[in-house]
Amino acid sequence: MVVLRFVIDSVHAARPLDTKYKLYDGRKVDPSDIYQCLLYSYAFTDGSDLGERRAVLVYPSKHTAERSPVRLQTVGGGKGPSLAVVGFDLAASVARVAVGEISDPRLVELVMAA
C-alpha cells in the first residue's frame, strides 16, 4: 500500500492505493479487500469530511479501466468514503516499457481522478 500525495489546482489531496494480484475481471471484489482499502481511506487521508475520504484498489486485468466505484453511506444517509476499483493491463504495460514508452498514462488518469 502506498499513499499518493498530489496537488491539483492548488488543492492538496491524498489517495491510499493498494494493489492486489487477484483476478477480479468477471467477479466481485472480495469484501475483505474493500474493507481494507476503506480503512486506509480513514487512516491515511486528512479530510474531516467523510465524503472526501477515498482510496484506490488496483488489480491485474486485460484492460486498464475503472469499475463501478464502491461508496459507503453514513448511518444518517450522508456520503461516506469511496473506493475506486481499477483494472490494470499489466501485460500491455510491460510491453510498452520494454520498448521505452510510458507504462500506462490511463492508469495515472484513473488514480488521480478517484
PDB file of N, CA and C in Angstrom:
ATOM      1  N   MET A   1       0.841  -1.160   0.000  1.00  0.00           N
ATOM      2  CA  MET A   1       0.000   0.000   0.000  1.00  0.00           C
ATOM      3  C   MET A   1       0.893   1.231   0.000  1.00  0.00           C
ATOM      4  N   VAL A   2       0.522   2.204  -0.805  1.00  0.00           N
ATOM      5  CA  VAL A   2       1.214   3.487  -0.841  1.00  0.00           C
ATOM      6  C   VAL A   2       0.176   4.589  -0.690  1.00  0.00           C
ATOM      7  N   VAL A   3       0.622   5.738  -0.258  1.00  0.00           N
ATOM      8  CA  VAL A   3      -0.257   6.906  -0.195  1.00  0.00           C
ATOM      9  C   VAL A   3       0.274   7.911  -1.211  1.00  0.00           C
ATOM     10  N   LEU A   4      -0.549   8.221  -2.212  1.00  0.00           N
ATOM     11  CA  LEU A   4      -0.193   9.205  -3.221  1.00  0.00           C
ATOM     12  C   LEU A   4      -0.616  10.578  -2.725  1.00  0.00           C
ATOM     13  N   ARG A   5       0.316  11.505  -2.692  1.00  0.00           N
ATOM     14  CA  ARG A   5       0.004  12.881  -2.306  1.00  0.00           C
ATOM     15  C   ARG A   5       0.285  13.764  -3.511  1.00  0.00           C
ATOM     16  N   PHE A   6      -0.685  14.617  -3.856  1.00  0.00           N
ATOM     17  CA  PHE A   6      -0.548  15.442  -5.043  1.00  0.00           C
ATOM     18  C   PHE A   6      -1.345  16.718  -4.886  1.00  0.00           C
ATOM     19  N   VAL A   7      -1.092  17.676  -5.784  1.00  0.00           N
ATOM     20  CA  VAL A   7      -1.795  18.957  -5.780  1.00  0.00           C
ATOM     21  C   VAL A   7      -2.414  19.149  -7.159  1.00  0.00           C
ATOM     22  N   ILE A   8      -3.724  19.407  -7.179  1.00  0.00           N
ATOM     23  CA  ILE A   8      -4.436  19.702  -8.425  1.00  0.00           C
ATOM     24  C   ILE A   8      -5.163  21.022  -8.217  1.00  0.00           C
ATOM     25  N   ASP A   9      -4.881  21.985  -9.076  1.00  0.00           N
ATOM     26  CA  ASP A   9      -5.496  23.318  -8.969  1.00  0.00           C
ATOM     27  C   ASP A   9      -5.395  23.870  -7.551  1.00  0.00           C
ATOM     28  N   SER A  10      -4.206  23.801  -6.967  1.00  0.00           N
ATOM     29  CA  SER A  10      -3.899  24.320  -5.632  1.00  0.00           C
ATOM     30  C   SER A  10      -4.588  23.566  -4.500  1.00  0.00           C
ATOM     31  N   VAL A  11      -5.211  22.449  -4.784  1.00  0.00           N
ATOM     32  CA  VAL A  11      -5.866  21.649  -3.751  1.00  0.00           C
ATOM     33  C   VAL A  11      -4.991  20.430  -3.471  1.00  0.00           C
ATOM     34  N   HIS A  12      -4.604  20.280  -2.212  1.00  0.00           N
ATOM     35  CA  HIS A  12      -3.795  19.128  -1.813  1.00  0.00           C
ATOM     36  C   HIS A  12      -4.703  17.924  -1.610  1.00  0.00           C
ATOM     37  N   ALA A  13      -4.261  16.775  -2.068  1.00  0.00           N
ATOM     38  CA  ALA A  13      -5.067  15.560  -1.937  1.00  0.00           C
ATOM     39  C   ALA A  13      -4.167  14.377  -1.614  1.00  0.00           C
ATOM     40  N   ALA A  14      -4.768  13.342  -1.065  1.00  0.00           N
ATOM     41  CA  ALA A  14      -4.048  12.098  -0.780  1.00  0.00           C
ATOM     42  C   ALA A  14      -4.970  10.937  -1.122  1.00  0.00           C
ATOM     43  N   ARG A  15      -4.398   9.909  -1.713  1.00  0.00           N
ATOM     44  CA  ARG A  15      -5.165   8.718  -2.069  1.00  0.00           C
ATOM     45  C   ARG A  15      -4.381   7.483  -1.643  1.00  0.00           C
ATOM     46  N   PRO A  16      -4.853   6.748  -0.655  1.00  0.00           N
ATOM     47  CA  PRO A  16      -4.235   5.459  -0.387  1.00  0.00           C
ATOM     48  C   PRO A  16      -4.481   4.541  -1.588  1.00  0.00           C
ATOM     49  N   LEU A  17      -3.448   3.875  -2.050  1.00  0.00           N
ATOM     50  CA  LEU A  17      -3.554   2.988  -3.205  1.00  0.00           C
ATOM     51  C   LEU A  17      -3.029   1.616  -2.799  1.00  0.00           C
ATOM     52  N   ASP A  18      -3.855   0.601  -2.980  1.00  0.00           N
ATOM     53  CA  ASP A  18      -3.474  -0.773  -2.659  1.00  0.00           C
ATOM     54  C   ASP A  18      -3.539  -1.599  -3.929  1.00  0.00           C
ATOM     55  N   THR A  19      -2.623  -2.526  -4.075  1.00  0.00           N
ATOM     56  CA  THR A  19      -2.628  -3.411  -5.238  1.00  0.00           C
ATOM     57  C   THR A  19      -2.917  -4.829  -4.788  1.00  0.00           C
ATOM     58  N   LYS A  20      -3.617  -5.554  -5.625  1.00  0.00           N
ATOM     59  CA  LYS A  20      -3.919  -6.962  -5.375  1.00  0.00           C
ATOM     60  C   LYS A  20      -3.512  -7.747  -6.609  1.00  0.00           C
ATOM     61  N   TYR A  21      -3.125  -8.968  -6.404  1.00  0.00           N
ATOM     62  CA  TYR A  21      -2.804  -9.844  -7.533  1.00  0.00           C
ATOM     63  C   TYR A  21      -3.901 -10.875  -7.726  1.00  0.00           C
ATOM     64  N   LYS A  22      -5.105 -10.489  -7.366  1.00  0.00           N
ATOM     65  CA  LYS A  22      -6.280 -11.327  -7.580  1.00  0.00           C
ATOM     66  C   LYS A  22      -6.898 -10.941  -8.917  1.00  0.00           C
ATOM     67  N   LEU A  23      -7.476 -11.893  -9.584  1.00  0.00           N
ATOM     68  CA  LEU A  23      -8.104 -11.627 -10.885  1.00  0.00           C
ATOM     69  C   LEU A  23      -9.577 -11.291 -10.659  1.00  0.00           C
ATOM     70  N   TYR A  24      -9.885  -9.996 -10.693  1.00  0.00           N
ATOM     71  CA  TYR A  24     -11.250  -9.558 -10.415  1.00  0.00           C
ATOM     72  C   TYR A  24     -12.084  -9.332 -11.660  1.00  0.00           C
ATOM     73  N   ASP A  25     -11.552  -9.523 -12.845  1.00  0.00           N
ATOM     74  CA  ASP A  25     -12.379  -9.409 -14.046  1.00  0.00           C
ATOM     75  C   ASP A  25     -13.462 -10.480 -13.981  1.00  0.00           C
ATOM     76  N   GLY A  26     -14.705 -10.062 -14.135  1.00  0.00           N
ATOM     77  CA  GLY A  26     -15.809 -11.014 -14.171  1.00  0.00           C
ATOM     78  C   GLY A  26     -16.259 -11.514 -12.810  1.00  0.00           C
ATOM     79  N   ARG A  27     -15.736 -10.962 -11.729  1.00  0.00           N
ATOM     80  CA  ARG A  27     -16.218 -11.361 -10.404  1.00  0.00           C
ATOM     81  C   ARG A  27     -16.144 -10.177  -9.449  1.00  0.00           C
ATOM     82  N   LYS A  28     -16.870 -10.305  -8.355  1.00  0.00           N
ATOM     83  CA  LYS A  28     -16.920  -9.229  -7.367  1.00  0.00           C
ATOM     84  C   LYS A  28     -15.610  -9.136  -6.604  1.00  0.00           C
ATOM     85  N   VAL A  29     -15.310  -7.927  -6.182  1.00  0.00           N
ATOM     86  CA  VAL A  29     -14.136  -7.703  -5.349  1.00  0.00           C
ATOM     87  C   VAL A  29     -14.402  -8.311  -3.974  1.00  0.00           C
ATOM     88  N   ASP A  30     -13.416  -8.996  -3.448  1.00  0.00           N
ATOM     89  CA  ASP A  30     -13.522  -9.649  -2.144  1.00  0.00           C
ATOM     90  C   ASP A  30     -13.853  -8.598  -1.077  1.00  0.00           C
ATOM     91  N   PRO A  31     -14.894  -8.835  -0.260  1.00  0.00           N
ATOM     92  CA  PRO A  31     -15.251  -7.850   0.770  1.00  0.00           C
ATOM     93  C   PRO A  31     -14.080  -7.481   1.690  1.00  0.00           C
ATOM     94  N   SER A  32     -13.201  -8.434   1.996  1.00  0.00           N
ATOM     95  CA  SER A  32     -12.075  -8.102   2.879  1.00  0.00           C
ATOM     96  C   SER A  32     -11.145  -7.079   2.227  1.00  0.00           C
ATOM     97  N   ASP A  33     -11.011  -7.121   0.890  1.00  0.00           N
ATOM     98  CA  ASP A  33     -10.191  -6.126   0.190  1.00  0.00           C
ATOM     99  C   ASP A  33     -10.865  -4.752   0.215  1.00  0.00           C
ATOM    100  N   ILE A  34     -12.178  -4.738   0.088  1.00  0.00           N
ATOM    101  CA  ILE A  34     -12.927  -3.478   0.177  1.00  0.00           C
ATOM    102  C   ILE A  34     -12.763  -2.876   1.571  1.00  0.00           C
ATOM    103  N   TYR A  35     -12.966  -3.688   2.606  1.00  0.00           N
ATOM    104  CA  TYR A  35     -12.844  -3.190   3.982  1.00  0.00           C
ATOM    105  C   TYR A  35     -11.443  -2.641   4.237  1.00  0.00           C
ATOM    106  N   GLN A  36     -10.429  -3.366   3.769  1.00  0.00           N
ATOM    107  CA  GLN A  36      -9.052  -2.945   3.982  1.00  0.00           C
ATOM    108  C   GLN A  36      -8.800  -1.581   3.344  1.00  0.00           C
ATOM    109  N   CYS A  37      -9.216  -1.404   2.103  1.00  0.00           N
ATOM    110  CA  CYS A  37      -8.988  -0.137   1.409  1.00  0.00           C
ATOM    111  C   CYS A  37      -9.776   1.008   2.029  1.00  0.00           C
ATOM    112  N   LEU A  38     -11.000   0.740   2.444  1.00  0.00           N
ATOM    113  CA  LEU A  38     -11.784   1.803   3.072  1.00  0.00           C
ATOM    114  C   LEU A  38     -11.191   2.189   4.421  1.00  0.00           C
ATOM    115  N   LEU A  39     -10.630   1.227   5.142  1.00  0.00           N
ATOM    116  CA  LEU A  39      -9.928   1.558   6.375  1.00  0.00           C
ATOM    117  C   LEU A  39      -8.732   2.455   6.077  1.00  0.00           C
ATOM    118  N   TYR A  40      -7.999   2.152   4.999  1.00  0.00           N
ATOM    119  CA  TYR A  40      -6.889   3.009   4.587  1.00  0.00           C
ATOM    120  C   TYR A  40      -7.375   4.427   4.314  1.00  0.00           C
ATOM    121  N   SER A  41      -8.590   4.563   3.758  1.00  0.00           N
ATOM    122  CA  SER A  41      -9.103   5.902   3.458  1.00  0.00           C
ATOM    123  C   SER A  41      -9.291   6.715   4.741  1.00  0.00           C
ATOM    124  N   TYR A  42      -9.599   6.066   5.838  1.00  0.00           N
ATOM    125  CA  TYR A  42      -9.704   6.761   7.122  1.00  0.00           C
ATOM    126  C   TYR A  42      -8.327   7.027   7.722  1.00  0.00           C
ATOM    127  N   ALA A  43      -7.437   6.046   7.614  1.00  0.00           N
ATOM    128  CA  ALA A  43      -6.150   6.140   8.289  1.00  0.00           C
ATOM    129  C   ALA A  43      -5.170   7.088   7.600  1.00  0.00           C
ATOM    130  N   PHE A  44      -5.270   7.220   6.274  1.00  0.00           N
ATOM    131  CA  PHE A  44      -4.225   7.919   5.546  1.00  0.00           C
ATOM    132  C   PHE A  44      -4.675   9.153   4.780  1.00  0.00           C
ATOM    133  N   THR A  45      -5.882   9.631   4.998  1.00  0.00           N
ATOM    134  CA  THR A  45      -6.286  10.888   4.372  1.00  0.00           C
ATOM    135  C   THR A  45      -6.593  11.905   5.464  1.00  0.00           C
ATOM    136  N   ASP A  46      -6.430  13.168   5.113  1.00  0.00           N
ATOM    137  CA  ASP A  46      -6.558  14.236   6.096  1.00  0.00           C
ATOM    138  C   ASP A  46      -7.963  14.818   6.193  1.00  0.00           C
ATOM    139  N   GLY A  47      -8.809  14.552   5.213  1.00  0.00           N
ATOM    140  CA  GLY A  47     -10.114  15.203   5.156  1.00  0.00           C
ATOM    141  C   GLY A  47     -10.995  14.900   6.351  1.00  0.00           C
ATOM    142  N   SER A  48     -11.591  15.924   6.919  1.00  0.00           N
ATOM    143  CA  SER A  48     -12.530  15.711   8.014  1.00  0.00           C
ATOM    144  C   SER A  48     -13.906  15.355   7.466  1.00  0.00           C
ATOM    145  N   ASP A  49     -14.150  15.695   6.205  1.00  0.00           N
ATOM    146  CA  ASP A  49     -15.417  15.370   5.550  1.00  0.00           C
ATOM    147  C   ASP A  49     -15.368  13.917   5.079  1.00  0.00           C
ATOM    148  N   LEU A  50     -16.269  13.076   5.579  1.00  0.00           N
ATOM    149  CA  LEU A  50     -16.256  11.650   5.227  1.00  0.00           C
ATOM    150  C   LEU A  50     -16.389  11.426   3.734  1.00  0.00           C
ATOM    151  N   GLY A  51     -17.111  12.307   3.047  1.00  0.00           N
ATOM    152  CA  GLY A  51     -17.290  12.170   1.609  1.00  0.00           C
ATOM    153  C   GLY A  51     -16.013  12.417   0.824  1.00  0.00           C
ATOM    154  N   GLU A  52     -15.012  13.014   1.473  1.00  0.00           N
ATOM    155  CA  GLU A  52     -13.738  13.282   0.805  1.00  0.00           C
ATOM    156  C   GLU A  52     -12.716  12.172   1.036  1.00  0.00           C
ATOM    157  N   ARG A  53     -13.040  11.203   1.841  1.00  0.00           N
ATOM    158  CA  ARG A  53     -12.123  10.090   2.098  1.00  0.00           C
ATOM    159  C   ARG A  53     -12.245   9.087   0.953  1.00  0.00           C
ATOM    160  N   ARG A  54     -11.108   8.858   0.285  1.00  0.00           N
ATOM    161  CA  ARG A  54     -11.117   7.985  -0.893  1.00  0.00           C
ATOM    162  C   ARG A  54      -9.899   7.077  -0.869  1.00  0.00           C
ATOM    163  N   ALA A  55     -10.040   5.943  -1.519  1.00  0.00           N
ATOM    164  CA  ALA A  55      -8.922   5.020  -1.690  1.00  0.00           C
ATOM    165  C   ALA A  55      -9.047   4.387  -3.072  1.00  0.00           C
ATOM    166  N   VAL A  56      -7.958   3.751  -3.516  1.00  0.00           N
ATOM    167  CA  VAL A  56      -7.923   3.120  -4.833  1.00  0.00           C
ATOM    168  C   VAL A  56      -7.393   1.699  -4.678  1.00  0.00           C
ATOM    169  N   LEU A  57      -8.056   0.751  -5.311  1.00  0.00           N
ATOM    170  CA  LEU A  57      -7.587  -0.631  -5.376  1.00  0.00           C
ATOM    171  C   LEU A  57      -7.271  -0.942  -6.835  1.00  0.00           C
ATOM    172  N   VAL A  58      -6.049  -1.394  -7.108  1.00  0.00           N
ATOM    173  CA  VAL A  58      -5.621  -1.721  -8.470  1.00  0.00           C
ATOM    174  C   VAL A  58      -5.379  -3.226  -8.542  1.00  0.00           C
ATOM    175  N   TYR A  59      -5.897  -3.861  -9.589  1.00  0.00           N
ATOM    176  CA  TYR A  59      -5.737  -5.299  -9.771  1.00  0.00           C
ATOM    177  C   TYR A  59      -5.377  -5.585 -11.231  1.00  0.00           C
ATOM    178  N   PRO A  60      -4.748  -6.741 -11.514  1.00  0.00           N
ATOM    179  CA  PRO A  60      -4.395  -7.065 -12.903  1.00  0.00           C
ATOM    180  C   PRO A  60      -5.649  -7.353 -13.727  1.00  0.00           C
ATOM    181  N   SER A  61      -5.622  -6.887 -14.974  1.00  0.00           N
ATOM    182  CA  SER A  61      -6.788  -7.029 -15.837  1.00  0.00           C
ATOM    183  C   SER A  61      -6.337  -7.096 -17.296  1.00  0.00           C
ATOM    184  N   LYS A  62      -7.266  -7.428 -18.167  1.00  0.00           N
ATOM    185  CA  LYS A  62      -6.978  -7.419 -19.602  1.00  0.00           C
ATOM    186  C   LYS A  62      -7.102  -6.020 -20.189  1.00  0.00           C
ATOM    187  N   HIS A  63      -7.717  -5.099 -19.441  1.00  0.00           N
ATOM    188  CA  HIS A  63      -7.914  -3.720 -19.898  1.00  0.00           C
ATOM    189  C   HIS A  63      -7.728  -2.775 -18.717  1.00  0.00           C
ATOM    190  N   THR A  64      -7.091  -1.645 -18.950  1.00  0.00           N
ATOM    191  CA  THR A  64      -6.991  -0.624 -17.909  1.00  0.00           C
ATOM    192  C   THR A  64      -8.285   0.171 -17.931  1.00  0.00           C
ATOM    193  N   ALA A  65      -9.062   0.032 -16.861  1.00  0.00           N
ATOM    194  CA  ALA A  65     -10.362   0.702 -16.782  1.00  0.00           C
ATOM    195  C   ALA A  65     -10.855   0.694 -15.348  1.00  0.00           C
ATOM    196  N   GLU A  66     -11.711   1.658 -15.037  1.00  0.00           N
ATOM    197  CA  GLU A  66     -12.305   1.709 -13.703  1.00  0.00           C
ATOM    198  C   GLU A  66     -13.630   0.967 -13.705  1.00  0.00           C
ATOM    199  N   ARG A  67     -13.847   0.187 -12.665  1.00  0.00           N
ATOM    200  CA  ARG A  67     -15.149  -0.444 -12.453  1.00  0.00           C
ATOM    201  C   ARG A  67     -16.036   0.526 -11.682  1.00  0.00           C
ATOM    202  N   SER A  68     -17.264   0.135 -11.441  1.00  0.00           N
ATOM    203  CA  SER A  68     -18.144   0.980 -10.631  1.00  0.00           C
ATOM    204  C   SER A  68     -17.522   1.193  -9.258  1.00  0.00           C
ATOM    205  N   PRO A  69     -17.427   2.435  -8.827  1.00  0.00           N
ATOM    206  CA  PRO A  69     -16.816   2.694  -7.518  1.00  0.00           C
ATOM    207  C   PRO A  69     -17.690   2.161  -6.387  1.00  0.00           C
ATOM    208  N   VAL A  70     -17.068   1.880  -5.266  1.00  0.00           N
ATOM    209  CA  VAL A  70     -17.775   1.454  -4.058  1.00  0.00           C
ATOM    210  C   VAL A  70     -17.914   2.690  -3.185  1.00  0.00           C
ATOM    211  N   ARG A  71     -19.121   3.023  -2.799  1.00  0.00           N
ATOM    212  CA  ARG A  71     -19.362   4.196  -1.959  1.00  0.00           C
ATOM    213  C   ARG A  71     -20.159   3.762  -0.734  1.00  0.00           C
ATOM    214  N   LEU A  72     -19.681   4.148   0.433  1.00  0.00           N
ATOM    215  CA  LEU A  72     -20.410   3.872   1.676  1.00  0.00           C
ATOM    216  C   LEU A  72     -21.283   5.057   2.031  1.00  0.00           C
ATOM    217  N   GLN A  73     -22.357   4.771   2.742  1.00  0.00           N
ATOM    218  CA  GLN A  73     -23.199   5.832   3.282  1.00  0.00           C
ATOM    219  C   GLN A  73     -23.053   5.842   4.791  1.00  0.00           C
ATOM    220  N   THR A  74     -23.161   7.011   5.378  1.00  0.00           N
ATOM    221  CA  THR A  74     -23.128   7.104   6.829  1.00  0.00           C
ATOM    222  C   THR A  74     -24.463   6.609   7.377  1.00  0.00           C
ATOM    223  N   VAL A  75     -24.517   6.409   8.674  1.00  0.00           N
ATOM    224  CA  VAL A  75     -25.753   5.940   9.309  1.00  0.00           C
ATOM    225  C   VAL A  75     -26.895   6.906   9.020  1.00  0.00           C
ATOM    226  N   GLY A  76     -26.606   8.194   8.953  1.00  0.00           N
ATOM    227  CA  GLY A  76     -27.621   9.204   8.671  1.00  0.00           C
ATOM    228  C   GLY A  76     -27.958   9.337   7.194  1.00  0.00           C
ATOM    229  N   GLY A  77     -27.328   8.531   6.334  1.00  0.00           N
ATOM    230  CA  GLY A  77     -27.615   8.573   4.908  1.00  0.00           C
ATOM    231  C   GLY A  77     -26.721   9.498   4.105  1.00  0.00           C
ATOM    232  N   GLY A  78     -25.754  10.123   4.753  1.00  0.00           N
ATOM    233  CA  GLY A  78     -24.840  11.022   4.050  1.00  0.00           C
ATOM    234  C   GLY A  78     -23.758  10.270   3.289  1.00  0.00           C
ATOM    235  N   LYS A  79     -22.950  11.044   2.553  1.00  0.00           N
ATOM    236  CA  LYS A  79     -21.849  10.449   1.797  1.00  0.00           C
ATOM    237  C   LYS A  79     -20.756   9.968   2.738  1.00  0.00           C
ATOM    238  N   GLY A  80     -20.338   8.716   2.527  1.00  0.00           N
ATOM    239  CA  GLY A  80     -19.203   8.173   3.262  1.00  0.00           C
ATOM    240  C   GLY A  80     -18.011   8.060   2.344  1.00  0.00           C
ATOM    241  N   PRO A  81     -16.989   7.328   2.767  1.00  0.00           N
ATOM    242  CA  PRO A  81     -15.794   7.182   1.938  1.00  0.00           C
ATOM    243  C   PRO A  81     -16.090   6.376   0.676  1.00  0.00           C
ATOM    244  N   SER A  82     -15.209   6.517  -0.326  1.00  0.00           N
ATOM    245  CA  SER A  82     -15.407   5.776  -1.568  1.00  0.00           C
ATOM    246  C   SER A  82     -14.124   5.042  -1.948  1.00  0.00           C
ATOM    247  N   LEU A  83     -14.302   4.009  -2.756  1.00  0.00           N
ATOM    248  CA  LEU A  83     -13.200   3.192  -3.232  1.00  0.00           C
ATOM    249  C   LEU A  83     -13.298   3.074  -4.742  1.00  0.00           C
ATOM    250  N   ALA A  84     -12.254   3.530  -5.436  1.00  0.00           N
ATOM    251  CA  ALA A  84     -12.173   3.338  -6.881  1.00  0.00           C
ATOM    252  C   ALA A  84     -11.492   1.989  -7.114  1.00  0.00           C
ATOM    253  N   VAL A  85     -12.108   1.150  -7.931  1.00  0.00           N
ATOM    254  CA  VAL A  85     -11.560  -0.167  -8.255  1.00  0.00           C
ATOM    255  C   VAL A  85     -11.103  -0.108  -9.713  1.00  0.00           C
ATOM    256  N   VAL A  86      -9.795  -0.252  -9.931  1.00  0.00           N
ATOM    257  CA  VAL A  86      -9.202  -0.023 -11.244  1.00  0.00           C
ATOM    258  C   VAL A  86      -8.457  -1.262 -11.717  1.00  0.00           C
ATOM    259  N   GLY A  87      -8.864  -1.762 -12.883  1.00  0.00           N
ATOM    260  CA  GLY A  87      -8.132  -2.844 -13.516  1.00  0.00           C
ATOM    261  C   GLY A  87      -6.941  -2.280 -14.271  1.00  0.00           C
ATOM    262  N   PHE A  88      -5.824  -2.996 -14.247  1.00  0.00           N
ATOM    263  CA  PHE A  88      -4.587  -2.527 -14.864  1.00  0.00           C
ATOM    264  C   PHE A  88      -4.054  -3.599 -15.809  1.00  0.00           C
ATOM    265  N   ASP A  89      -3.913  -3.240 -17.081  1.00  0.00           N
ATOM    266  CA  ASP A  89      -3.407  -4.182 -18.083  1.00  0.00           C
ATOM    267  C   ASP A  89      -1.889  -4.274 -17.929  1.00  0.00           C
ATOM    268  N   LEU A  90      -1.464  -5.171 -17.065  1.00  0.00           N
ATOM    269  CA  LEU A  90      -0.054  -5.304 -16.736  1.00  0.00           C
ATOM    270  C   LEU A  90       0.766  -5.786 -17.932  1.00  0.00           C
ATOM    271  N   ALA A  91       0.250  -6.746 -18.683  1.00  0.00           N
ATOM    272  CA  ALA A  91       0.997  -7.286 -19.831  1.00  0.00           C
ATOM    273  C   ALA A  91       1.280  -6.205 -20.870  1.00  0.00           C
ATOM    274  N   ALA A  92       0.274  -5.414 -21.204  1.00  0.00           N
ATOM    275  CA  ALA A  92       0.464  -4.345 -22.189  1.00  0.00           C
ATOM    276  C   ALA A  92       1.417  -3.282 -21.656  1.00  0.00           C
ATOM    277  N   SER A  93       1.337  -3.006 -20.368  1.00  0.00           N
ATOM    278  CA  SER A  93       2.212  -2.011 -19.764  1.00  0.00           C
ATOM    279  C   SER A  93       3.672  -2.456 -19.808  1.00  0.00           C
ATOM    280  N   VAL A  94       3.919  -3.718 -19.485  1.00  0.00           N
ATOM    281  CA  VAL A  94       5.285  -4.250 -19.538  1.00  0.00           C
ATOM    282  C   VAL A  94       5.813  -4.181 -20.970  1.00  0.00           C
ATOM    283  N   ALA A  95       4.977  -4.495 -21.942  1.00  0.00           N
ATOM    284  CA  ALA A  95       5.384  -4.438 -23.354  1.00  0.00           C
ATOM    285  C   ALA A  95       5.754  -3.012 -23.758  1.00  0.00           C
ATOM    286  N   ARG A  96       4.989  -2.015 -23.290  1.00  0.00           N
ATOM    287  CA  ARG A  96       5.288  -0.623 -23.605  1.00  0.00           C
ATOM    288  C   ARG A  96       6.615  -0.184 -22.977  1.00  0.00           C
ATOM    289  N   VAL A  97       6.824  -0.564 -21.732  1.00  0.00           N
ATOM    290  CA  VAL A  97       8.059  -0.189 -21.041  1.00  0.00           C
ATOM    291  C   VAL A  97       9.263  -0.838 -21.721  1.00  0.00           C
ATOM    292  N   ALA A  98       9.101  -2.065 -22.203  1.00  0.00           N
ATOM    293  CA  ALA A  98      10.197  -2.785 -22.863  1.00  0.00           C
ATOM    294  C   ALA A  98      10.707  -2.064 -24.113  1.00  0.00           C
ATOM    295  N   VAL A  99       9.850  -1.278 -24.752  1.00  0.00           N
ATOM    296  CA  VAL A  99      10.279  -0.537 -25.950  1.00  0.00           C
ATOM    297  C   VAL A  99      10.493   0.952 -25.647  1.00  0.00           C
ATOM    298  N   GLY A 100      10.590   1.291 -24.355  1.00  0.00           N
ATOM    299  CA  GLY A 100      10.928   2.653 -23.964  1.00  0.00           C
ATOM    300  C   GLY A 100       9.774   3.620 -23.858  1.00  0.00           C
ATOM    301  N   GLU A 101       8.539   3.128 -23.859  1.00  0.00           N
ATOM    302  CA  GLU A 101       7.380   4.012 -23.745  1.00  0.00           C
ATOM    303  C   GLU A 101       6.955   4.144 -22.286  1.00  0.00           C
ATOM    304  N   ILE A 102       6.064   5.104 -22.031  1.00  0.00           N
ATOM    305  CA  ILE A 102       5.488   5.292 -20.703  1.00  0.00           C
ATOM    306  C   ILE A 102       4.568   4.114 -20.410  1.00  0.00           C
ATOM    307  N   SER A 103       4.598   3.647 -19.187  1.00  0.00           N
ATOM    308  CA  SER A 103       3.860   2.457 -18.775  1.00  0.00           C
ATOM    309  C   SER A 103       2.391   2.494 -19.179  1.00  0.00           C
ATOM    310  N   ASP A 104       1.594   3.303 -18.545  1.00  0.00           N
ATOM    311  CA  ASP A 104       0.166   3.368 -18.863  1.00  0.00           C
ATOM    312  C   ASP A 104      -0.416   4.685 -18.365  1.00  0.00           C
ATOM    313  N   PRO A 105      -0.445   5.711 -19.215  1.00  0.00           N
ATOM    314  CA  PRO A 105      -0.963   7.011 -18.781  1.00  0.00           C
ATOM    315  C   PRO A 105      -2.419   6.952 -18.331  1.00  0.00           C
ATOM    316  N   ARG A 106      -3.177   6.021 -18.863  1.00  0.00           N
ATOM    317  CA  ARG A 106      -4.601   5.889 -18.469  1.00  0.00           C
ATOM    318  C   ARG A 106      -4.719   5.520 -16.993  1.00  0.00           C
ATOM    319  N   LEU A 107      -3.806   4.680 -16.508  1.00  0.00           N
ATOM    320  CA  LEU A 107      -3.833   4.309 -15.090  1.00  0.00           C
ATOM    321  C   LEU A 107      -3.627   5.537 -14.218  1.00  0.00           C
ATOM    322  N   VAL A 108      -2.698   6.385 -14.587  1.00  0.00           N
ATOM    323  CA  VAL A 108      -2.438   7.611 -13.827  1.00  0.00           C
ATOM    324  C   VAL A 108      -3.688   8.482 -13.812  1.00  0.00           C
ATOM    325  N   GLU A 109      -4.339   8.646 -14.946  1.00  0.00           N
ATOM    326  CA  GLU A 109      -5.580   9.436 -15.019  1.00  0.00           C
ATOM    327  C   GLU A 109      -6.644   8.881 -14.079  1.00  0.00           C
ATOM    328  N   LEU A 110      -6.833   7.567 -14.102  1.00  0.00           N
ATOM    329  CA  LEU A 110      -7.881   6.952 -13.272  1.00  0.00           C
ATOM    330  C   LEU A 110      -7.585   7.108 -11.785  1.00  0.00           C
ATOM    331  N   VAL A 111      -6.325   6.942 -11.404  1.00  0.00           N
ATOM    332  CA  VAL A 111      -5.960   7.067  -9.998  1.00  0.00           C
ATOM    333  C   VAL A 111      -6.116   8.517  -9.529  1.00  0.00           C
ATOM    334  N   MET A 112      -5.684   9.471 -10.320  1.00  0.00           N
ATOM    335  CA  MET A 112      -5.778  10.870  -9.934  1.00  0.00           C
ATOM    336  C   MET A 112      -7.232  11.335  -9.860  1.00  0.00           C
ATOM    337  N   ALA A 113      -8.088  10.780 -10.686  1.00  0.00           N
ATOM    338  CA  ALA A 113      -9.496  11.178 -10.697  1.00  0.00           C
ATOM    339  C   ALA A 113     -10.318  10.500  -9.610  1.00  0.00           C
ATOM    340  N   ALA A 114      -9.767   9.486  -9.002  1.00  0.00           N
ATOM    341  CA  ALA A 114     -10.531   8.704  -7.999  1.00  0.00           C
ATOM    342  C   ALA A 114     -10.927   9.551  -6.822  1.00  0.00           C
TER     343      ALA A 114
END
